[in-house]
Amino acid sequence: MDKNQIHVIYGNTPKTMVGEILEKIKPEKEIPKKAYIGIKPNLVVAKPSTSGATTSPELVEGIIEYFYSKGYKNICILEGSWVGDRTAKAFKVCGYENISKKYKVPLIDLQKDSHIECTVDDIKINICSKVSEIDYLINVPVLKGHCQTNITCALKNLKGCIPNSEKRRYHTMGLHKPIAYLNKAIKQDLIIVDGIMGDLNFEEGGNPVEMNRIIVGCDPVLIDSYAATLLGFDLSDIPYIEIAEEIGVGNSDISNAEIIELNSDKSTPINRKSKKRRYTEHIEEKEACSACYGTLIHAMERLRESGDLRKVNSKIYIGQYYKNKTINDGVGIGQCTKGCKECIPGCPPTARDIVKYFKNL
């Protein structure tokens, strides 16, 4: 498949759709028959794909059936959910245990895996050992928003291939640079974007929007550039795309890409309305993990809906930067901010606990 091509198919039957698009591009032409094929979905949390958070199990079934039909039998599904959730629970809730039993495809929990160290330019990166054993990696991200990086798609989905300790470290590094460099350490061979249902604001879902499309390509930078335009962002809004291009991961030039649509799009345009910007005046965020920050934004939204947001009169501190620091004002979110005058504990705390705290003021 030409790296400058992006294939798109529209509809709401992911298993059938992915079979059609794979028949069109015929990836098997470049894969040895004995290759070890790894499928990396986005199972960031234990929520079904209808929440807008996770990869459709039907889509992954379609991928497995296609490769089985072409004679490939050495296939696995591998994932590491975010810090604060268990991959094993996500495999069950998201329907992947059933896939494993039906197709005899092993599920690899990368949260339980060992890791190896790679060096990319001046950055040391720990990646899960099992990832290095894969001959052909199929990345199956969800097209959705993110409360810190604006979008998450092909490039960011590889964060599931690193240990939890590394995920925490990425937040201390500012997310964008390590995400870009991770994609130089791990090569993804085929990207199949689940654009059937996604949350346009949060990585963890909860406000799903029907987008009814699957997007396929092999350049993660080009795919993410296309995804950014669909969600209404400029490339400058997602720095890791530009950094990845600078270090040679791929090309972001959508204007010269060949967009091949297998059918016509009869749906309405994707309209993004960011919720996180409503609350920036209240929040002092530095090096916050996505789970913690996303939970806070959800809580703020619940407070707004109930009319209690007016009770938030002090600064809210969140992030690893505040570890071991004494702060004499405001409210801290999570165990990293226990040095604040007031702190809502947890790693991450629940949105319910945050809402309860402010409602009781």
Protein backbone atom coordinates (compact mmCIF):
# COMPACT_ATOMS: atom_id res chain seq x y z
CA MET A 1 0.00 0.00 0.00
CA ASP A 2 1.28 3.45 -0.94
CA LYS A 3 2.17 5.48 2.16
CA ASN A 4 0.57 8.54 0.59
CA GLN A 5 -2.84 6.85 0.37
CA ILE A 6 -5.71 6.98 2.85
CA HIS A 7 -8.66 4.67 2.22
CA VAL A 8 -12.05 5.51 3.73
CA ILE A 9 -15.27 3.52 3.87
CA TYR A 10 -18.54 4.81 5.36
CA GLY A 11 -21.28 2.90 7.18
CA ASN A 12 -22.18 1.32 10.51
CA THR A 13 -21.34 -2.36 9.94
CA PRO A 14 -17.65 -2.45 10.93
CA LYS A 15 -17.06 -6.16 10.40
CA THR A 16 -18.30 -6.05 6.80
CA MET A 17 -16.71 -2.68 6.09
CA VAL A 18 -13.21 -3.66 7.21
CA GLY A 19 -13.41 -6.83 5.11
CA GLU A 20 -14.23 -4.74 2.04
CA ILE A 21 -11.45 -2.25 2.60
CA LEU A 22 -8.85 -4.96 3.25
CA GLU A 23 -9.87 -6.76 0.06
CA LYS A 24 -9.26 -3.47 -1.72
CA ILE A 25 -5.76 -2.81 -0.38
CA LYS A 26 -4.64 -6.48 -0.04
CA PRO A 27 -2.07 -6.09 2.79
CA GLU A 28 -1.18 -9.78 2.56
CA LYS A 29 0.95 -9.03 -0.49
CA GLU A 30 3.68 -7.71 1.79
CA ILE A 31 3.35 -10.13 4.74
CA PRO A 32 5.16 -13.49 4.92
CA LYS A 33 2.77 -16.38 5.64
CA LYS A 34 4.51 -17.29 8.91
CA ALA A 35 4.52 -13.72 10.21
CA TYR A 36 3.43 -13.08 13.79
CA ILE A 37 0.61 -10.53 13.43
CA GLY A 38 -0.28 -8.31 16.37
CA ILE A 39 -3.54 -6.37 16.57
CA LYS A 40 -3.37 -3.35 18.90
CA PRO A 41 -6.86 -1.93 19.64
CA ASN A 42 -7.63 1.00 21.95
CA LEU A 43 -8.99 -0.47 25.19
CA VAL A 44 -7.94 2.43 27.36
CA VAL A 45 -10.76 1.76 29.84
CA ALA A 46 -13.21 -1.04 30.55
CA LYS A 47 -16.11 0.46 28.58
CA PRO A 48 -17.90 -0.90 25.49
CA SER A 49 -17.23 0.71 22.11
CA THR A 50 -20.67 2.33 22.21
CA SER A 51 -19.26 4.68 24.87
CA GLY A 52 -16.96 6.24 22.27
CA ALA A 53 -13.87 5.13 24.19
CA THR A 54 -12.80 1.76 22.80
CA THR A 55 -12.26 -0.12 19.56
CA SER A 56 -15.25 -2.02 18.21
CA PRO A 57 -14.88 -5.79 18.74
CA GLU A 58 -16.75 -6.32 15.48
CA LEU A 59 -14.06 -4.39 13.65
CA VAL A 60 -11.33 -6.57 15.17
CA GLU A 61 -13.35 -9.70 14.32
CA GLY A 62 -13.42 -8.56 10.71
CA ILE A 63 -9.64 -8.10 10.69
CA ILE A 64 -9.06 -11.57 12.15
CA GLU A 65 -11.46 -13.24 9.71
CA TYR A 66 -9.79 -11.52 6.77
CA PHE A 67 -6.30 -12.67 7.71
CA TYR A 68 -7.51 -16.16 8.56
CA SER A 69 -9.06 -16.35 5.08
CA LYS A 70 -5.64 -15.51 3.59
CA GLY A 71 -3.90 -18.30 5.48
CA TYR A 72 -2.49 -16.39 8.48
CA LYS A 73 -2.90 -18.23 11.77
CA ASN A 74 -0.31 -16.67 14.07
CA ILE A 75 -2.32 -13.70 15.35
CA CYS A 76 -2.60 -12.07 18.77
CA ILE A 77 -4.39 -9.10 20.34
CA LEU A 78 -2.22 -7.00 22.64
CA GLU A 79 -3.04 -4.01 24.81
CA GLY A 80 -2.19 -2.20 28.03
CA SER A 81 -5.00 -0.06 29.44
CA TRP A 82 -4.26 3.26 31.09
CA VAL A 83 -2.98 3.65 34.63
CA GLY A 84 -5.94 3.23 36.97
CA ASP A 85 -7.69 0.53 34.92
CA ARG A 86 -6.96 -3.15 34.38
CA THR A 87 -6.46 -4.54 30.89
CA ALA A 88 -7.99 -7.88 31.90
CA LYS A 89 -11.21 -6.13 32.85
CA ALA A 90 -11.19 -4.16 29.58
CA PHE A 91 -10.74 -7.37 27.56
CA LYS A 92 -13.85 -8.78 29.24
CA VAL A 93 -16.10 -5.71 29.23
CA CYS A 94 -15.18 -4.71 25.67
CA GLY A 95 -15.99 -8.15 24.22
CA TYR A 96 -12.45 -9.33 23.51
CA GLU A 97 -12.60 -12.42 25.72
CA ASN A 98 -15.37 -13.68 23.42
CA ILE A 99 -13.24 -12.94 20.36
CA SER A 100 -10.32 -14.83 21.89
CA LYS A 101 -12.46 -17.92 22.53
CA LYS A 102 -14.20 -17.81 19.16
CA TYR A 103 -11.07 -17.45 17.03
CA LYS A 104 -8.46 -19.02 19.36
CA VAL A 105 -6.54 -15.72 19.34
CA PRO A 106 -4.52 -15.05 22.50
CA LEU A 107 -5.00 -11.84 24.48
CA ILE A 108 -1.75 -10.32 25.70
CA ASP A 109 -2.01 -8.03 28.72
CA LEU A 110 0.90 -5.63 28.32
CA GLN A 111 0.41 -4.32 31.86
CA LYS A 112 1.80 -7.67 33.01
CA ASP A 113 4.64 -7.80 30.48
CA SER A 114 8.34 -7.15 31.03
CA HIS A 115 9.99 -4.32 29.09
CA ILE A 116 13.08 -3.52 27.07
CA GLU A 117 14.88 -0.20 26.73
CA CYS A 118 15.32 1.55 23.39
CA THR A 119 17.19 4.75 22.63
CA VAL A 120 15.78 7.10 20.02
CA ASP A 121 18.12 10.05 19.48
CA ASP A 122 18.49 11.53 22.99
CA ILE A 123 15.48 9.82 24.56
CA LYS A 124 15.42 6.45 26.33
CA ILE A 125 12.11 4.64 25.89
CA ASN A 126 10.86 1.51 27.64
CA ILE A 127 8.57 -0.63 25.51
CA CYS A 128 6.79 -3.87 26.39
CA SER A 129 8.81 -6.93 25.41
CA LYS A 130 5.99 -8.69 23.54
CA VAL A 131 5.72 -5.77 21.12
CA SER A 132 9.28 -6.42 19.93
CA GLU A 133 8.28 -9.98 18.96
CA ILE A 134 5.58 -8.84 16.52
CA ASP A 135 6.46 -9.11 12.80
CA TYR A 136 3.48 -7.12 11.52
CA LEU A 137 1.69 -4.63 13.80
CA ILE A 138 -1.88 -3.57 13.00
CA ASN A 139 -2.83 -0.48 14.98
CA VAL A 140 -6.60 -0.11 15.48
CA PRO A 141 -7.16 3.21 17.29
CA VAL A 142 -10.44 5.02 17.85
CA LEU A 143 -10.96 8.41 16.22
CA LYS A 144 -11.68 10.61 19.25
CA GLY A 145 -10.79 13.68 21.24
CA HIS A 146 -8.44 13.92 24.21
CA CYS A 147 -8.62 16.29 27.16
CA GLN A 148 -4.89 17.12 27.02
CA THR A 149 -3.61 16.48 23.49
CA ASN A 150 -6.86 17.43 21.67
CA ILE A 151 -6.98 14.19 19.66
CA THR A 152 -5.87 10.61 20.04
CA CYS A 153 -5.53 8.34 17.04
CA ALA A 154 -2.69 6.33 15.46
CA LEU A 155 0.36 7.94 17.08
CA LYS A 156 -0.94 8.16 20.62
CA ASN A 157 -2.50 4.69 20.60
CA LEU A 158 0.98 3.17 20.87
CA LYS A 159 1.09 4.40 24.48
CA GLY A 160 -0.65 1.14 25.28
CA CYS A 161 2.60 -0.63 24.31
CA ILE A 162 4.62 0.79 27.22
CA PRO A 163 4.61 -0.13 30.93
CA ASN A 164 2.54 1.88 33.42
CA SER A 165 5.65 3.50 34.92
CA GLU A 166 6.55 4.80 31.47
CA LYS A 167 3.04 6.18 30.93
CA ARG A 168 3.40 8.24 34.11
CA ARG A 169 6.84 9.45 33.00
CA TYR A 170 5.46 10.62 29.63
CA HIS A 171 3.21 13.07 31.45
CA THR A 172 6.20 14.54 33.28
CA MET A 173 7.86 15.00 29.87
CA GLY A 174 4.90 16.87 28.43
CA LEU A 175 3.37 13.97 26.42
CA HIS A 176 4.00 15.33 22.91
CA LYS A 177 7.72 14.65 22.48
CA PRO A 178 7.70 11.14 24.00
CA ILE A 179 4.61 10.15 21.96
CA ALA A 180 6.38 11.21 18.77
CA TYR A 181 9.61 9.41 19.68
CA LEU A 182 7.74 6.26 20.73
CA ASN A 183 6.53 5.98 17.15
CA LYS A 184 10.11 5.89 15.96
CA ALA A 185 10.85 3.07 18.40
CA ILE A 186 7.78 1.03 17.40
CA LYS A 187 6.86 0.64 13.73
CA GLN A 188 3.21 0.17 12.94
CA ASP A 189 2.65 -1.54 9.59
CA LEU A 190 -1.06 -0.96 9.04
CA ILE A 191 -3.47 1.49 10.67
CA ILE A 192 -7.20 0.77 10.72
CA VAL A 193 -8.98 3.64 12.46
CA ASP A 194 -12.28 2.90 14.15
CA GLY A 195 -14.30 5.98 13.27
CA ILE A 196 -17.66 4.33 13.88
CA MET A 197 -18.30 5.87 17.29
CA GLY A 198 -16.01 8.23 19.19
CA ASP A 199 -16.11 10.77 21.99
CA LEU A 200 -14.95 14.09 20.55
CA ASN A 201 -13.76 15.45 23.90
CA PHE A 202 -12.52 12.65 26.13
CA GLU A 203 -10.27 9.63 25.69
CA GLU A 204 -12.40 7.66 28.18
CA GLY A 205 -15.71 8.14 26.38
CA GLY A 206 -19.11 9.02 27.81
CA ASN A 207 -20.34 11.42 25.14
CA PRO A 208 -20.28 9.28 21.98
CA VAL A 209 -20.84 10.69 18.52
CA GLU A 210 -21.69 8.54 15.49
CA MET A 211 -19.07 9.12 12.77
CA ASN A 212 -19.72 5.95 10.74
CA ARG A 213 -16.40 5.49 8.96
CA ILE A 214 -13.25 3.38 8.90
CA ILE A 215 -9.99 4.99 7.82
CA VAL A 216 -7.03 2.90 6.64
CA GLY A 217 -3.43 3.83 5.86
CA CYS A 218 0.14 2.95 6.76
CA ASP A 219 1.62 6.36 7.66
CA PRO A 220 0.61 7.27 11.25
CA VAL A 221 1.56 10.92 10.79
CA LEU A 222 -0.61 11.23 7.69
CA ILE A 223 -3.47 9.38 9.35
CA ASP A 224 -3.34 11.62 12.42
CA SER A 225 -3.14 14.75 10.25
CA TYR A 226 -6.28 13.61 8.46
CA ALA A 227 -7.95 12.81 11.80
CA ALA A 228 -7.07 16.26 13.12
CA THR A 229 -8.76 17.94 10.15
CA LEU A 230 -11.88 15.81 10.62
CA LEU A 231 -12.15 16.95 14.25
CA GLY A 232 -11.58 20.60 13.37
CA PHE A 233 -7.98 21.07 14.53
CA ASP A 234 -4.94 22.60 12.90
CA LEU A 235 -1.74 20.55 13.04
CA SER A 236 -0.27 23.19 15.36
CA ASP A 237 -2.95 22.19 17.90
CA ILE A 238 -1.39 18.70 18.17
CA PRO A 239 2.39 19.19 18.58
CA TYR A 240 3.25 15.48 18.58
CA ILE A 241 2.18 15.24 14.91
CA GLU A 242 4.66 17.93 13.90
CA ILE A 243 7.42 16.45 16.10
CA ALA A 244 6.86 12.98 14.61
CA GLU A 245 7.21 14.41 11.12
CA GLU A 246 10.40 16.26 12.07
CA ILE A 247 12.08 13.06 13.28
CA GLY A 248 11.09 11.08 10.19
CA VAL A 249 8.14 9.01 11.39
CA GLY A 250 5.94 10.11 8.49
CA ASN A 251 4.47 12.89 6.39
CA SER A 252 1.71 15.30 7.43
CA ASP A 253 0.94 16.80 4.00
CA ILE A 254 -2.77 16.04 3.61
CA SER A 255 -3.06 18.39 0.62
CA ASN A 256 -0.97 16.01 -1.48
CA ALA A 257 -2.36 12.77 -0.05
CA GLU A 258 -4.52 10.47 -2.16
CA ILE A 259 -7.84 10.06 -0.32
CA ILE A 260 -9.66 7.04 -1.75
CA GLU A 261 -13.31 6.74 -0.67
CA LEU A 262 -14.85 3.33 -1.35
CA ASN A 263 -18.39 4.69 -1.08
CA SER A 264 -20.16 7.99 -0.50
CA ASP A 265 -20.61 9.66 2.89
CA LYS A 266 -24.28 10.30 3.57
CA SER A 267 -23.76 11.33 7.19
CA THR A 268 -23.55 14.80 8.67
CA PRO A 269 -20.15 16.44 9.30
CA ILE A 270 -18.31 15.74 12.54
CA ASN A 271 -18.81 18.72 14.83
CA ARG A 272 -16.44 19.11 17.74
CA LYS A 273 -17.35 21.15 20.81
CA SER A 274 -14.56 21.26 23.36
CA LYS A 275 -15.63 21.10 27.00
CA LYS A 276 -12.25 21.36 28.64
CA ARG A 277 -11.80 25.03 27.68
CA ARG A 278 -14.80 25.98 29.81
CA TYR A 279 -12.88 25.18 32.96
CA THR A 280 -9.30 26.33 32.36
CA GLU A 281 -9.78 29.40 34.54
CA HIS A 282 -10.25 27.12 37.55
CA ILE A 283 -7.52 24.53 36.90
CA GLU A 284 -3.75 24.65 37.53
CA GLU A 285 -2.58 21.55 35.65
CA LYS A 286 1.06 20.43 35.43
CA GLU A 287 2.10 16.92 34.37
CA ALA A 288 -1.32 15.41 35.06
CA CYS A 289 -2.03 11.86 33.93
CA SER A 290 -4.90 11.55 31.46
CA ALA A 291 -7.05 9.43 33.81
CA CYS A 292 -6.89 12.03 36.56
CA TYR A 293 -7.38 15.04 34.30
CA GLY A 294 -10.23 13.46 32.36
CA THR A 295 -12.01 12.57 35.60
CA LEU A 296 -11.73 16.17 36.79
CA ILE A 297 -13.21 17.52 33.54
CA HIS A 298 -16.11 15.06 33.80
CA ALA A 299 -16.73 16.21 37.37
CA MET A 300 -16.67 19.88 36.33
CA GLU A 301 -19.21 19.10 33.61
CA ARG A 302 -21.50 17.42 36.16
CA LEU A 303 -21.18 20.46 38.46
CA ARG A 304 -22.05 22.76 35.57
CA GLU A 305 -25.13 20.71 34.71
CA SER A 306 -26.36 20.76 38.31
CA GLY A 307 -25.73 24.49 38.76
CA ASP A 308 -23.02 23.91 41.37
CA LEU A 309 -20.03 25.12 39.34
CA ARG A 310 -20.44 28.53 41.01
CA LYS A 311 -19.21 26.88 44.24
CA VAL A 312 -15.76 26.38 42.69
CA ASN A 313 -14.17 29.63 43.88
CA SER A 314 -10.60 28.48 44.51
CA LYS A 315 -7.86 27.13 42.29
CA ILE A 316 -7.84 23.41 41.55
CA TYR A 317 -4.37 21.82 41.43
CA ILE A 318 -3.71 18.60 39.54
CA GLY A 319 -0.62 16.77 38.29
CA GLN A 320 2.61 15.01 39.23
CA TYR A 321 4.41 18.36 39.35
CA TYR A 322 2.81 19.03 42.75
CA LYS A 323 4.20 15.89 44.45
CA ASN A 324 5.86 16.74 47.77
CA LYS A 325 4.95 20.43 47.39
CA THR A 326 3.09 22.41 50.05
CA ILE A 327 0.33 24.61 48.65
CA ASN A 328 -1.52 26.86 51.07
CA ASP A 329 -4.54 27.58 48.92
CA GLY A 330 -6.96 25.78 46.65
CA VAL A 331 -7.98 22.15 46.31
CA GLY A 332 -5.77 19.31 45.12
CA ILE A 333 -7.02 16.48 42.92
CA GLY A 334 -5.43 13.07 43.46
CA GLN A 335 -2.64 11.75 45.65
CA CYS A 336 0.04 13.82 43.89
CA THR A 337 -1.49 16.96 45.43
CA LYS A 338 -1.82 15.84 49.05
CA GLY A 339 0.37 18.82 50.00
CA CYS A 340 -2.51 21.17 49.19
CA LYS A 341 -4.56 22.79 51.92
CA GLU A 342 -7.47 20.57 50.84
CA CYS A 343 -7.09 17.35 48.81
CA ILE A 344 -9.50 14.90 47.19
CA PRO A 345 -7.50 11.64 47.36
CA GLY A 346 -7.26 8.84 44.80
CA CYS A 347 -5.20 7.73 41.80
CA PRO A 348 -7.30 8.86 40.12
CA PRO A 349 -10.11 10.07 42.42
CA THR A 350 -13.60 9.37 41.14
CA ALA A 351 -15.63 12.09 39.44
CA ARG A 352 -18.33 11.32 42.01
CA ASP A 353 -15.99 12.15 44.91
CA ILE A 354 -14.96 15.42 43.25
CA VAL A 355 -18.58 16.40 42.62
CA LYS A 356 -19.54 15.49 46.20
CA TYR A 357 -16.73 17.61 47.64
CA PHE A 358 -17.73 20.77 45.79
CA LYS A 359 -21.46 20.27 46.26
CA ASN A 360 -20.90 20.10 50.02
CA LEU A 361 -19.08 23.45 50.19
